[in-house]
Amino acid sequence: MAAKGGRLAALKAGMQPNIKELKFMLSRIRKNPLSLLGLSIIAFYIVIALLAPVLSPPSGIDPYKIPRDRYYPTPQPPSDRHPFGTAEGQFDIYYGTVWGTRTAFRIGIWVTGASLAIGLVIGLISGYYGGVIDEVMMRFTDIIFAFPGLILAMALVTAFGVGLDNVLLALVLVGWPSYTRLIRGEILRVKEEDYVEAAKAVGCSDVRVMVRHILPNTIYPILIMASLDIGAIVLSAAALSFLGLGAPVGYADWGQMISYSQNWIFAGERNPWQYWYTFVIPGLFIFTFVLGWNLLGDALRDILDPTLRRR
């Protein structure tokens, strides 16, 4: 009876959330200037994405198709009609950057979510069962890791065909091994804890043990990695679009907007910065968006670091 009572106590300890610890982490988030700055930047872009139809009303059926003012090749400076000016081919930079915010969120959240889901399933199974299953899954993961991520993504997009949807798929196929490695390591650390052994002793199924008892106690490092990855994924997608492998011509995408400026950097004869708006404005959108997620991820890492928690 005493042993059974001890197992039940351990099981309850693993299931019940630590309210004091949660309050402590929330208070540290409020007091951390980096986390507040990151949250503010992300909130700013969320507002832009939500209000895109108001800030820049679409003129056609496809709102992501950037309107063009004539077809004159030389970019035009900012004006009342085009607040950020026009890019090569007279694509409206203001419209492209505003609607490109929605594209950035779609890329970052969709790719991160899909990569996390795949890595979560494989990492849970591999770490929990071990043995041959773990060996086979980890060796396959190592094969993916053997290739540079961006180079492999470029090869996959070339094989699948140029397009934004194929870029998303390629980034998912490249990104899931990182989550698998992290989740597997956390599972190996947690699965020998008393509350996990207690859950097995009282007859919980493997799925219940993994989902109810192991996963909630390993989620913090995964959330930190996901918040850091969103910015990196948007940057990778922008690089692929800049190289002509991503969004189609005229699509509202920040990488696409930067690609229109490659012929106009230091192109002015009398004023080398004559066409600065073609690359500075889209570049600032990319920079601040990625910065916001990186600041938030770094702040979460500091806040959730067990070495910095109260004893």
C-alpha atoms as a PDB file:
ATOM      1  CA  MET A   1       0.000   0.000   0.000  1.00  0.00           C
ATOM      2  CA  ALA A   2       2.823   2.387   0.883  1.00  0.00           C
ATOM      3  CA  ALA A   3       4.544   1.720  -2.447  1.00  0.00           C
ATOM      4  CA  LYS A   4       1.285   2.260  -4.318  1.00  0.00           C
ATOM      5  CA  GLY A   5       0.684   5.501  -2.424  1.00  0.00           C
ATOM      6  CA  GLY A   6       4.171   6.676  -3.332  1.00  0.00           C
ATOM      7  CA  ARG A   7       3.575   5.954  -7.007  1.00  0.00           C
ATOM      8  CA  LEU A   8       0.287   7.871  -6.955  1.00  0.00           C
ATOM      9  CA  ALA A   9       1.954  10.816  -5.251  1.00  0.00           C
ATOM     10  CA  ALA A  10       4.689  10.871  -7.874  1.00  0.00           C
ATOM     11  CA  LEU A  11       2.077  10.641 -10.623  1.00  0.00           C
ATOM     12  CA  LYS A  12       0.134  13.603  -9.229  1.00  0.00           C
ATOM     13  CA  ALA A  13       3.339  15.607  -8.887  1.00  0.00           C
ATOM     14  CA  GLY A  14       4.087  15.108 -12.550  1.00  0.00           C
ATOM     15  CA  MET A  15       0.551  16.004 -13.643  1.00  0.00           C
ATOM     16  CA  GLN A  16      -0.140  19.108 -11.563  1.00  0.00           C
ATOM     17  CA  PRO A  17       1.182  22.382 -12.960  1.00  0.00           C
ATOM     18  CA  ASN A  18       3.450  24.379 -10.718  1.00  0.00           C
ATOM     19  CA  ILE A  19       1.383  27.552 -10.312  1.00  0.00           C
ATOM     20  CA  LYS A  20       4.103  29.411  -8.446  1.00  0.00           C
ATOM     21  CA  GLU A  21       6.659  28.648 -11.143  1.00  0.00           C
ATOM     22  CA  LEU A  22       4.231  29.782 -13.857  1.00  0.00           C
ATOM     23  CA  LYS A  23       3.571  33.069 -12.044  1.00  0.00           C
ATOM     24  CA  PHE A  24       7.301  33.556 -11.574  1.00  0.00           C
ATOM     25  CA  MET A  25       7.956  33.085 -15.309  1.00  0.00           C
ATOM     26  CA  LEU A  26       5.146  35.497 -16.260  1.00  0.00           C
ATOM     27  CA  SER A  27       6.563  38.114 -13.905  1.00  0.00           C
ATOM     28  CA  ARG A  28      10.005  37.702 -15.492  1.00  0.00           C
ATOM     29  CA  ILE A  29       8.494  38.146 -18.954  1.00  0.00           C
ATOM     30  CA  ARG A  30       6.903  41.417 -17.865  1.00  0.00           C
ATOM     31  CA  LYS A  31      10.179  42.633 -16.372  1.00  0.00           C
ATOM     32  CA  ASN A  32      12.373  41.563 -19.284  1.00  0.00           C
ATOM     33  CA  PRO A  33      12.793  44.494 -21.721  1.00  0.00           C
ATOM     34  CA  LEU A  34      13.909  42.231 -24.571  1.00  0.00           C
ATOM     35  CA  SER A  35      10.780  40.087 -24.352  1.00  0.00           C
ATOM     36  CA  LEU A  36       8.587  43.192 -24.249  1.00  0.00           C
ATOM     37  CA  LEU A  37      10.386  44.676 -27.252  1.00  0.00           C
ATOM     38  CA  GLY A  38      10.073  41.415 -29.184  1.00  0.00           C
ATOM     39  CA  LEU A  39       6.386  41.117 -28.313  1.00  0.00           C
ATOM     40  CA  SER A  40       5.815  44.743 -29.342  1.00  0.00           C
ATOM     41  CA  ILE A  41       7.441  44.206 -32.737  1.00  0.00           C
ATOM     42  CA  ILE A  42       5.465  41.022 -33.353  1.00  0.00           C
ATOM     43  CA  ALA A  43       2.232  42.721 -32.242  1.00  0.00           C
ATOM     44  CA  PHE A  44       2.975  45.574 -34.650  1.00  0.00           C
ATOM     45  CA  TYR A  45       3.256  43.158 -37.566  1.00  0.00           C
ATOM     46  CA  ILE A  46       0.156  41.262 -36.477  1.00  0.00           C
ATOM     47  CA  VAL A  47      -1.788  44.534 -36.661  1.00  0.00           C
ATOM     48  CA  ILE A  48      -0.391  45.236 -40.139  1.00  0.00           C
ATOM     49  CA  ALA A  49      -1.325  41.723 -41.311  1.00  0.00           C
ATOM     50  CA  LEU A  50      -4.855  41.981 -39.924  1.00  0.00           C
ATOM     51  CA  LEU A  51      -5.423  45.482 -41.327  1.00  0.00           C
ATOM     52  CA  ALA A  52      -3.786  44.846 -44.710  1.00  0.00           C
ATOM     53  CA  PRO A  53      -7.111  45.187 -46.622  1.00  0.00           C
ATOM     54  CA  VAL A  54      -7.631  48.569 -44.929  1.00  0.00           C
ATOM     55  CA  LEU A  55      -4.057  49.851 -45.130  1.00  0.00           C
ATOM     56  CA  SER A  56      -3.678  48.837 -48.777  1.00  0.00           C
ATOM     57  CA  PRO A  57      -6.999  47.792 -50.390  1.00  0.00           C
ATOM     58  CA  PRO A  58      -6.538  45.146 -53.103  1.00  0.00           C
ATOM     59  CA  SER A  59      -7.387  46.163 -56.633  1.00  0.00           C
ATOM     60  CA  GLY A  60      -7.920  42.694 -58.107  1.00  0.00           C
ATOM     61  CA  ILE A  61      -9.218  39.225 -57.361  1.00  0.00           C
ATOM     62  CA  ASP A  62      -5.905  38.070 -55.905  1.00  0.00           C
ATOM     63  CA  PRO A  63      -4.941  40.440 -53.064  1.00  0.00           C
ATOM     64  CA  TYR A  64      -1.345  39.184 -53.112  1.00  0.00           C
ATOM     65  CA  LYS A  65      -0.842  40.387 -56.677  1.00  0.00           C
ATOM     66  CA  ILE A  66       1.053  43.685 -56.465  1.00  0.00           C
ATOM     67  CA  PRO A  67      -0.557  46.417 -58.609  1.00  0.00           C
ATOM     68  CA  ARG A  68       1.627  48.021 -61.263  1.00  0.00           C
ATOM     69  CA  ASP A  69       1.623  51.650 -62.348  1.00  0.00           C
ATOM     70  CA  ARG A  70       2.521  51.406 -66.016  1.00  0.00           C
ATOM     71  CA  TYR A  71       5.508  49.275 -67.058  1.00  0.00           C
ATOM     72  CA  TYR A  72       8.349  51.771 -66.942  1.00  0.00           C
ATOM     73  CA  PRO A  73      11.523  49.852 -65.937  1.00  0.00           C
ATOM     74  CA  THR A  74      13.174  52.538 -63.760  1.00  0.00           C
ATOM     75  CA  PRO A  75      12.009  52.706 -60.104  1.00  0.00           C
ATOM     76  CA  GLN A  76      10.158  55.843 -59.075  1.00  0.00           C
ATOM     77  CA  PRO A  77      10.737  57.656 -55.747  1.00  0.00           C
ATOM     78  CA  PRO A  78       8.143  57.846 -52.938  1.00  0.00           C
ATOM     79  CA  SER A  79       5.156  60.043 -53.723  1.00  0.00           C
ATOM     80  CA  ASP A  80       1.603  60.658 -52.558  1.00  0.00           C
ATOM     81  CA  ARG A  81       0.359  57.899 -54.833  1.00  0.00           C
ATOM     82  CA  HIS A  82       3.129  55.480 -53.875  1.00  0.00           C
ATOM     83  CA  PRO A  83       4.280  56.225 -50.278  1.00  0.00           C
ATOM     84  CA  PHE A  84       7.285  53.872 -50.518  1.00  0.00           C
ATOM     85  CA  GLY A  85       7.928  54.408 -54.219  1.00  0.00           C
ATOM     86  CA  THR A  86       7.861  51.783 -56.940  1.00  0.00           C
ATOM     87  CA  ALA A  87      10.293  48.987 -57.736  1.00  0.00           C
ATOM     88  CA  GLU A  88      11.603  47.834 -61.078  1.00  0.00           C
ATOM     89  CA  GLY A  89       8.636  47.306 -63.371  1.00  0.00           C
ATOM     90  CA  GLN A  90       6.595  49.820 -61.325  1.00  0.00           C
ATOM     91  CA  PHE A  91       5.523  47.395 -58.606  1.00  0.00           C
ATOM     92  CA  ASP A  92       4.132  49.349 -55.636  1.00  0.00           C
ATOM     93  CA  ILE A  93       6.581  48.819 -52.731  1.00  0.00           C
ATOM     94  CA  TYR A  94       4.060  49.932 -50.092  1.00  0.00           C
ATOM     95  CA  TYR A  95       1.488  47.385 -51.250  1.00  0.00           C
ATOM     96  CA  GLY A  96       4.110  44.642 -51.514  1.00  0.00           C
ATOM     97  CA  THR A  97       5.472  45.191 -48.016  1.00  0.00           C
ATOM     98  CA  VAL A  98       2.054  45.464 -46.342  1.00  0.00           C
ATOM     99  CA  TRP A  99       0.634  42.313 -47.919  1.00  0.00           C
ATOM    100  CA  GLY A 100       4.046  40.684 -47.644  1.00  0.00           C
ATOM    101  CA  THR A 101       3.505  40.741 -43.880  1.00  0.00           C
ATOM    102  CA  ARG A 102       0.748  38.165 -44.316  1.00  0.00           C
ATOM    103  CA  THR A 103       3.055  36.104 -46.510  1.00  0.00           C
ATOM    104  CA  ALA A 104       5.759  36.232 -43.821  1.00  0.00           C
ATOM    105  CA  PHE A 105       3.376  35.003 -41.112  1.00  0.00           C
ATOM    106  CA  ARG A 106       2.080  32.279 -43.398  1.00  0.00           C
ATOM    107  CA  ILE A 107       5.595  31.060 -44.145  1.00  0.00           C
ATOM    108  CA  GLY A 108       6.926  31.279 -40.601  1.00  0.00           C
ATOM    109  CA  ILE A 109       3.960  29.786 -38.747  1.00  0.00           C
ATOM    110  CA  TRP A 110       3.058  27.135 -41.315  1.00  0.00           C
ATOM    111  CA  VAL A 111       6.602  25.819 -41.779  1.00  0.00           C
ATOM    112  CA  THR A 112       7.380  25.929 -38.053  1.00  0.00           C
ATOM    113  CA  GLY A 113       4.108  24.215 -37.150  1.00  0.00           C
ATOM    114  CA  ALA A 114       4.524  21.456 -39.724  1.00  0.00           C
ATOM    115  CA  SER A 115       8.203  20.879 -38.851  1.00  0.00           C
ATOM    116  CA  LEU A 116       7.339  20.794 -35.152  1.00  0.00           C
ATOM    117  CA  ALA A 117       4.516  18.295 -35.698  1.00  0.00           C
ATOM    118  CA  ILE A 118       6.736  15.915 -37.698  1.00  0.00           C
ATOM    119  CA  GLY A 119       9.648  16.266 -35.293  1.00  0.00           C
ATOM    120  CA  LEU A 120       7.336  15.782 -32.316  1.00  0.00           C
ATOM    121  CA  VAL A 121       5.962  12.470 -33.560  1.00  0.00           C
ATOM    122  CA  ILE A 122       9.321  11.047 -34.628  1.00  0.00           C
ATOM    123  CA  GLY A 123      11.157  12.353 -31.567  1.00  0.00           C
ATOM    124  CA  LEU A 124       8.553  10.995 -29.132  1.00  0.00           C
ATOM    125  CA  ILE A 125       8.526   7.541 -30.685  1.00  0.00           C
ATOM    126  CA  SER A 126      12.304   7.392 -31.051  1.00  0.00           C
ATOM    127  CA  GLY A 127      13.116   8.612 -27.554  1.00  0.00           C
ATOM    128  CA  TYR A 128      10.410   6.663 -25.740  1.00  0.00           C
ATOM    129  CA  TYR A 129      10.886   3.238 -27.323  1.00  0.00           C
ATOM    130  CA  GLY A 130      14.624   3.381 -28.067  1.00  0.00           C
ATOM    131  CA  GLY A 131      16.371   0.311 -29.459  1.00  0.00           C
ATOM    132  CA  VAL A 132      16.140  -0.455 -33.159  1.00  0.00           C
ATOM    133  CA  ILE A 133      13.374   2.104 -33.713  1.00  0.00           C
ATOM    134  CA  ASP A 134      15.533   4.850 -32.252  1.00  0.00           C
ATOM    135  CA  GLU A 135      18.574   3.748 -34.252  1.00  0.00           C
ATOM    136  CA  VAL A 136      16.759   3.701 -37.601  1.00  0.00           C
ATOM    137  CA  MET A 137      15.020   7.056 -37.051  1.00  0.00           C
ATOM    138  CA  MET A 138      18.151   8.817 -35.839  1.00  0.00           C
ATOM    139  CA  ARG A 139      20.281   7.550 -38.716  1.00  0.00           C
ATOM    140  CA  PHE A 140      17.707   8.860 -41.182  1.00  0.00           C
ATOM    141  CA  THR A 141      17.750  12.174 -39.322  1.00  0.00           C
ATOM    142  CA  ASP A 142      21.539  12.244 -39.573  1.00  0.00           C
ATOM    143  CA  ILE A 143      21.291  11.864 -43.352  1.00  0.00           C
ATOM    144  CA  ILE A 144      19.181  15.042 -43.555  1.00  0.00           C
ATOM    145  CA  PHE A 145      21.626  16.834 -41.269  1.00  0.00           C
ATOM    146  CA  ALA A 146      24.517  15.908 -43.548  1.00  0.00           C
ATOM    147  CA  PHE A 147      23.379  18.481 -46.121  1.00  0.00           C
ATOM    148  CA  PRO A 148      23.518  22.276 -45.619  1.00  0.00           C
ATOM    149  CA  GLY A 149      19.947  23.360 -44.969  1.00  0.00           C
ATOM    150  CA  LEU A 150      19.609  26.154 -47.528  1.00  0.00           C
ATOM    151  CA  ILE A 151      21.404  24.180 -50.250  1.00  0.00           C
ATOM    152  CA  LEU A 152      19.142  21.177 -49.676  1.00  0.00           C
ATOM    153  CA  ALA A 153      16.068  23.433 -49.742  1.00  0.00           C
ATOM    154  CA  MET A 154      17.220  24.908 -53.061  1.00  0.00           C
ATOM    155  CA  ALA A 155      17.692  21.423 -54.505  1.00  0.00           C
ATOM    156  CA  LEU A 156      14.242  20.320 -53.326  1.00  0.00           C
ATOM    157  CA  VAL A 157      12.543  23.423 -54.751  1.00  0.00           C
ATOM    158  CA  THR A 158      14.311  22.842 -58.055  1.00  0.00           C
ATOM    159  CA  ALA A 159      13.095  19.233 -58.053  1.00  0.00           C
ATOM    160  CA  PHE A 160       9.518  20.082 -57.028  1.00  0.00           C
ATOM    161  CA  GLY A 161       9.229  23.145 -59.246  1.00  0.00           C
ATOM    162  CA  VAL A 162       9.571  26.852 -58.567  1.00  0.00           C
ATOM    163  CA  GLY A 163       6.791  28.305 -56.401  1.00  0.00           C
ATOM    164  CA  LEU A 164       5.998  29.494 -52.898  1.00  0.00           C
ATOM    165  CA  ASP A 165       4.091  26.337 -51.944  1.00  0.00           C
ATOM    166  CA  ASN A 166       7.066  24.206 -52.928  1.00  0.00           C
ATOM    167  CA  VAL A 167       9.332  26.489 -50.889  1.00  0.00           C
ATOM    168  CA  LEU A 168       7.158  25.827 -47.834  1.00  0.00           C
ATOM    169  CA  LEU A 169       7.317  22.079 -48.436  1.00  0.00           C
ATOM    170  CA  ALA A 170      11.090  22.154 -48.923  1.00  0.00           C
ATOM    171  CA  LEU A 171      11.647  24.139 -45.732  1.00  0.00           C
ATOM    172  CA  VAL A 172       9.510  21.665 -43.773  1.00  0.00           C
ATOM    173  CA  LEU A 173      11.486  18.712 -45.125  1.00  0.00           C
ATOM    174  CA  VAL A 174      14.707  20.456 -44.141  1.00  0.00           C
ATOM    175  CA  GLY A 175      13.520  21.751 -40.759  1.00  0.00           C
ATOM    176  CA  TRP A 176      11.951  18.780 -38.959  1.00  0.00           C
ATOM    177  CA  PRO A 177      15.219  16.966 -37.980  1.00  0.00           C
ATOM    178  CA  SER A 178      16.206  19.767 -35.587  1.00  0.00           C
ATOM    179  CA  TYR A 179      12.979  19.333 -33.635  1.00  0.00           C
ATOM    180  CA  THR A 180      13.372  15.558 -33.680  1.00  0.00           C
ATOM    181  CA  ARG A 181      16.829  15.756 -32.121  1.00  0.00           C
ATOM    182  CA  LEU A 182      15.717  18.211 -29.425  1.00  0.00           C
ATOM    183  CA  ILE A 183      12.543  16.329 -28.531  1.00  0.00           C
ATOM    184  CA  ARG A 184      14.331  12.975 -28.413  1.00  0.00           C
ATOM    185  CA  GLY A 185      16.939  14.363 -26.045  1.00  0.00           C
ATOM    186  CA  GLU A 186      14.269  15.773 -23.737  1.00  0.00           C
ATOM    187  CA  ILE A 187      12.356  12.471 -23.789  1.00  0.00           C
ATOM    188  CA  LEU A 188      15.486  10.535 -22.811  1.00  0.00           C
ATOM    189  CA  ARG A 189      15.956  12.918 -19.893  1.00  0.00           C
ATOM    190  CA  VAL A 190      12.377  12.777 -18.621  1.00  0.00           C
ATOM    191  CA  LYS A 191      11.234   9.217 -19.247  1.00  0.00           C
ATOM    192  CA  GLU A 192      13.147   7.840 -16.237  1.00  0.00           C
ATOM    193  CA  GLU A 193      11.484  10.258 -13.792  1.00  0.00           C
ATOM    194  CA  ASP A 194       9.391   8.854 -10.940  1.00  0.00           C
ATOM    195  CA  TYR A 195       6.073  10.192 -12.234  1.00  0.00           C
ATOM    196  CA  VAL A 196       6.615   8.467 -15.599  1.00  0.00           C
ATOM    197  CA  GLU A 197       7.381   5.165 -13.879  1.00  0.00           C
ATOM    198  CA  ALA A 198       4.327   5.693 -11.679  1.00  0.00           C
ATOM    199  CA  ALA A 199       2.113   6.268 -14.724  1.00  0.00           C
ATOM    200  CA  LYS A 200       3.335   3.012 -16.249  1.00  0.00           C
ATOM    201  CA  ALA A 201       2.809   1.190 -12.942  1.00  0.00           C
ATOM    202  CA  VAL A 202      -0.845   2.211 -12.669  1.00  0.00           C
ATOM    203  CA  GLY A 203      -1.523   0.922 -16.181  1.00  0.00           C
ATOM    204  CA  CYS A 204      -1.415   4.032 -18.393  1.00  0.00           C
ATOM    205  CA  SER A 205      -0.978   3.303 -22.083  1.00  0.00           C
ATOM    206  CA  ASP A 206       2.167   4.378 -23.900  1.00  0.00           C
ATOM    207  CA  VAL A 207       0.278   7.097 -25.782  1.00  0.00           C
ATOM    208  CA  ARG A 208      -1.146   8.482 -22.535  1.00  0.00           C
ATOM    209  CA  VAL A 209       2.245   8.431 -20.848  1.00  0.00           C
ATOM    210  CA  MET A 210       3.858  10.285 -23.749  1.00  0.00           C
ATOM    211  CA  VAL A 211       1.104  12.850 -24.305  1.00  0.00           C
ATOM    212  CA  ARG A 212      -0.082  13.415 -20.741  1.00  0.00           C
ATOM    213  CA  HIS A 213       3.042  13.027 -18.636  1.00  0.00           C
ATOM    214  CA  ILE A 214       6.197  13.336 -20.776  1.00  0.00           C
ATOM    215  CA  LEU A 215       5.338  15.975 -23.386  1.00  0.00           C
ATOM    216  CA  PRO A 216       4.088  18.701 -20.968  1.00  0.00           C
ATOM    217  CA  ASN A 217       7.358  18.438 -19.052  1.00  0.00           C
ATOM    218  CA  THR A 218       9.525  18.799 -22.172  1.00  0.00           C
ATOM    219  CA  ILE A 219       7.643  21.538 -24.028  1.00  0.00           C
ATOM    220  CA  TYR A 220       9.624  24.618 -22.924  1.00  0.00           C
ATOM    221  CA  PRO A 221      12.805  24.032 -24.995  1.00  0.00           C
ATOM    222  CA  ILE A 222      10.607  23.220 -27.992  1.00  0.00           C
ATOM    223  CA  LEU A 223       8.706  26.512 -27.680  1.00  0.00           C
ATOM    224  CA  ILE A 224      11.968  28.433 -27.433  1.00  0.00           C
ATOM    225  CA  MET A 225      13.353  26.770 -30.547  1.00  0.00           C
ATOM    226  CA  ALA A 226      10.103  27.353 -32.466  1.00  0.00           C
ATOM    227  CA  SER A 227      10.053  31.073 -31.633  1.00  0.00           C
ATOM    228  CA  LEU A 228      13.651  31.413 -32.828  1.00  0.00           C
ATOM    229  CA  ASP A 229      12.965  29.370 -35.965  1.00  0.00           C
ATOM    230  CA  ILE A 230      10.100  31.525 -37.264  1.00  0.00           C
ATOM    231  CA  GLY A 231      12.434  34.412 -38.031  1.00  0.00           C
ATOM    232  CA  ALA A 232      15.084  32.141 -39.537  1.00  0.00           C
ATOM    233  CA  ILE A 233      12.514  30.428 -41.761  1.00  0.00           C
ATOM    234  CA  VAL A 234      11.183  33.752 -43.075  1.00  0.00           C
ATOM    235  CA  LEU A 235      14.781  34.764 -43.829  1.00  0.00           C
ATOM    236  CA  SER A 236      15.430  31.498 -45.701  1.00  0.00           C
ATOM    237  CA  ALA A 237      12.224  31.886 -47.718  1.00  0.00           C
ATOM    238  CA  ALA A 238      13.192  35.469 -48.581  1.00  0.00           C
ATOM    239  CA  ALA A 239      16.598  34.233 -49.783  1.00  0.00           C
ATOM    240  CA  LEU A 240      14.958  31.634 -52.024  1.00  0.00           C
ATOM    241  CA  SER A 241      12.580  34.253 -53.443  1.00  0.00           C
ATOM    242  CA  PHE A 242      15.518  36.587 -54.048  1.00  0.00           C
ATOM    243  CA  LEU A 243      17.194  33.808 -56.047  1.00  0.00           C
ATOM    244  CA  GLY A 244      14.050  33.370 -58.143  1.00  0.00           C
ATOM    245  CA  LEU A 245      12.991  30.052 -56.584  1.00  0.00           C
ATOM    246  CA  GLY A 246      10.151  31.294 -54.395  1.00  0.00           C
ATOM    247  CA  ALA A 247       7.195  33.563 -54.970  1.00  0.00           C
ATOM    248  CA  PRO A 248       6.207  34.259 -58.598  1.00  0.00           C
ATOM    249  CA  VAL A 249       6.827  37.640 -60.189  1.00  0.00           C
ATOM    250  CA  GLY A 250       4.501  40.275 -58.796  1.00  0.00           C
ATOM    251  CA  TYR A 251       3.630  38.368 -55.614  1.00  0.00           C
ATOM    252  CA  ALA A 252       3.589  40.264 -52.319  1.00  0.00           C
ATOM    253  CA  ASP A 253       6.683  38.775 -50.710  1.00  0.00           C
ATOM    254  CA  TRP A 254       9.539  40.634 -49.033  1.00  0.00           C
ATOM    255  CA  GLY A 255      12.209  38.504 -50.680  1.00  0.00           C
ATOM    256  CA  GLN A 256      10.592  39.177 -54.033  1.00  0.00           C
ATOM    257  CA  MET A 257      10.622  42.920 -53.316  1.00  0.00           C
ATOM    258  CA  ILE A 258      14.338  42.794 -52.535  1.00  0.00           C
ATOM    259  CA  SER A 259      15.008  40.936 -55.781  1.00  0.00           C
ATOM    260  CA  TYR A 260      13.565  43.862 -57.759  1.00  0.00           C
ATOM    261  CA  SER A 261      16.291  46.102 -56.329  1.00  0.00           C
ATOM    262  CA  GLN A 262      19.361  44.075 -57.308  1.00  0.00           C
ATOM    263  CA  ASN A 263      19.914  46.111 -60.489  1.00  0.00           C
ATOM    264  CA  TRP A 264      19.505  49.433 -58.690  1.00  0.00           C
ATOM    265  CA  ILE A 265      21.889  49.224 -55.741  1.00  0.00           C
ATOM    266  CA  PHE A 266      24.439  52.043 -56.186  1.00  0.00           C
ATOM    267  CA  ALA A 267      23.031  52.511 -59.705  1.00  0.00           C
ATOM    268  CA  GLY A 268      22.729  56.296 -59.764  1.00  0.00           C
ATOM    269  CA  GLU A 269      25.476  58.105 -61.653  1.00  0.00           C
ATOM    270  CA  ARG A 270      25.388  61.329 -59.605  1.00  0.00           C
ATOM    271  CA  ASN A 271      23.806  59.872 -56.474  1.00  0.00           C
ATOM    272  CA  PRO A 272      24.634  56.185 -55.792  1.00  0.00           C
ATOM    273  CA  TRP A 273      21.797  56.057 -53.228  1.00  0.00           C
ATOM    274  CA  GLN A 274      19.227  57.389 -55.650  1.00  0.00           C
ATOM    275  CA  TYR A 275      17.167  54.183 -55.508  1.00  0.00           C
ATOM    276  CA  TRP A 276      17.683  53.440 -51.789  1.00  0.00           C
ATOM    277  CA  TYR A 277      13.956  52.876 -51.211  1.00  0.00           C
ATOM    278  CA  THR A 278      13.913  49.786 -53.430  1.00  0.00           C
ATOM    279  CA  PHE A 279      16.041  47.756 -51.007  1.00  0.00           C
ATOM    280  CA  VAL A 280      16.097  49.672 -47.704  1.00  0.00           C
ATOM    281  CA  ILE A 281      12.331  49.587 -47.071  1.00  0.00           C
ATOM    282  CA  PRO A 282      11.740  45.872 -47.784  1.00  0.00           C
ATOM    283  CA  GLY A 283      15.006  45.110 -45.983  1.00  0.00           C
ATOM    284  CA  LEU A 284      13.793  46.943 -42.871  1.00  0.00           C
ATOM    285  CA  PHE A 285      10.591  44.897 -42.867  1.00  0.00           C
ATOM    286  CA  ILE A 286      12.564  41.652 -43.012  1.00  0.00           C
ATOM    287  CA  PHE A 287      15.109  42.843 -40.430  1.00  0.00           C
ATOM    288  CA  THR A 288      12.606  44.014 -37.820  1.00  0.00           C
ATOM    289  CA  PHE A 289      10.306  41.006 -38.279  1.00  0.00           C
ATOM    290  CA  VAL A 290      13.173  38.558 -37.758  1.00  0.00           C
ATOM    291  CA  LEU A 291      14.539  40.691 -34.909  1.00  0.00           C
ATOM    292  CA  GLY A 292      11.205  40.555 -33.087  1.00  0.00           C
ATOM    293  CA  TRP A 293      11.085  36.763 -33.097  1.00  0.00           C
ATOM    294  CA  ASN A 294      14.755  36.465 -32.167  1.00  0.00           C
ATOM    295  CA  LEU A 295      14.360  38.823 -29.212  1.00  0.00           C
ATOM    296  CA  LEU A 296      11.328  36.908 -28.030  1.00  0.00           C
ATOM    297  CA  GLY A 297      13.116  33.575 -28.374  1.00  0.00           C
ATOM    298  CA  ASP A 298      16.215  34.799 -26.540  1.00  0.00           C
ATOM    299  CA  ALA A 299      14.069  36.234 -23.760  1.00  0.00           C
ATOM    300  CA  LEU A 300      12.131  32.983 -23.399  1.00  0.00           C
ATOM    301  CA  ARG A 301      15.397  31.050 -23.264  1.00  0.00           C
ATOM    302  CA  ASP A 302      16.670  33.271 -20.454  1.00  0.00           C
ATOM    303  CA  ILE A 303      13.376  33.137 -18.582  1.00  0.00           C
ATOM    304  CA  LEU A 304      12.937  29.382 -18.863  1.00  0.00           C
ATOM    305  CA  ASP A 305      16.582  28.517 -18.174  1.00  0.00           C
ATOM    306  CA  PRO A 306      16.457  26.232 -15.122  1.00  0.00           C
ATOM    307  CA  THR A 307      19.779  27.612 -13.855  1.00  0.00           C
ATOM    308  CA  LEU A 308      18.176  31.046 -13.476  1.00  0.00           C
ATOM    309  CA  ARG A 309      15.045  29.957 -11.651  1.00  0.00           C
ATOM    310  CA  ARG A 310      14.448  30.487  -7.986  1.00  0.00           C
ATOM    311  CA  ARG A 311      15.410  27.708  -5.699  1.00  0.00           C
END
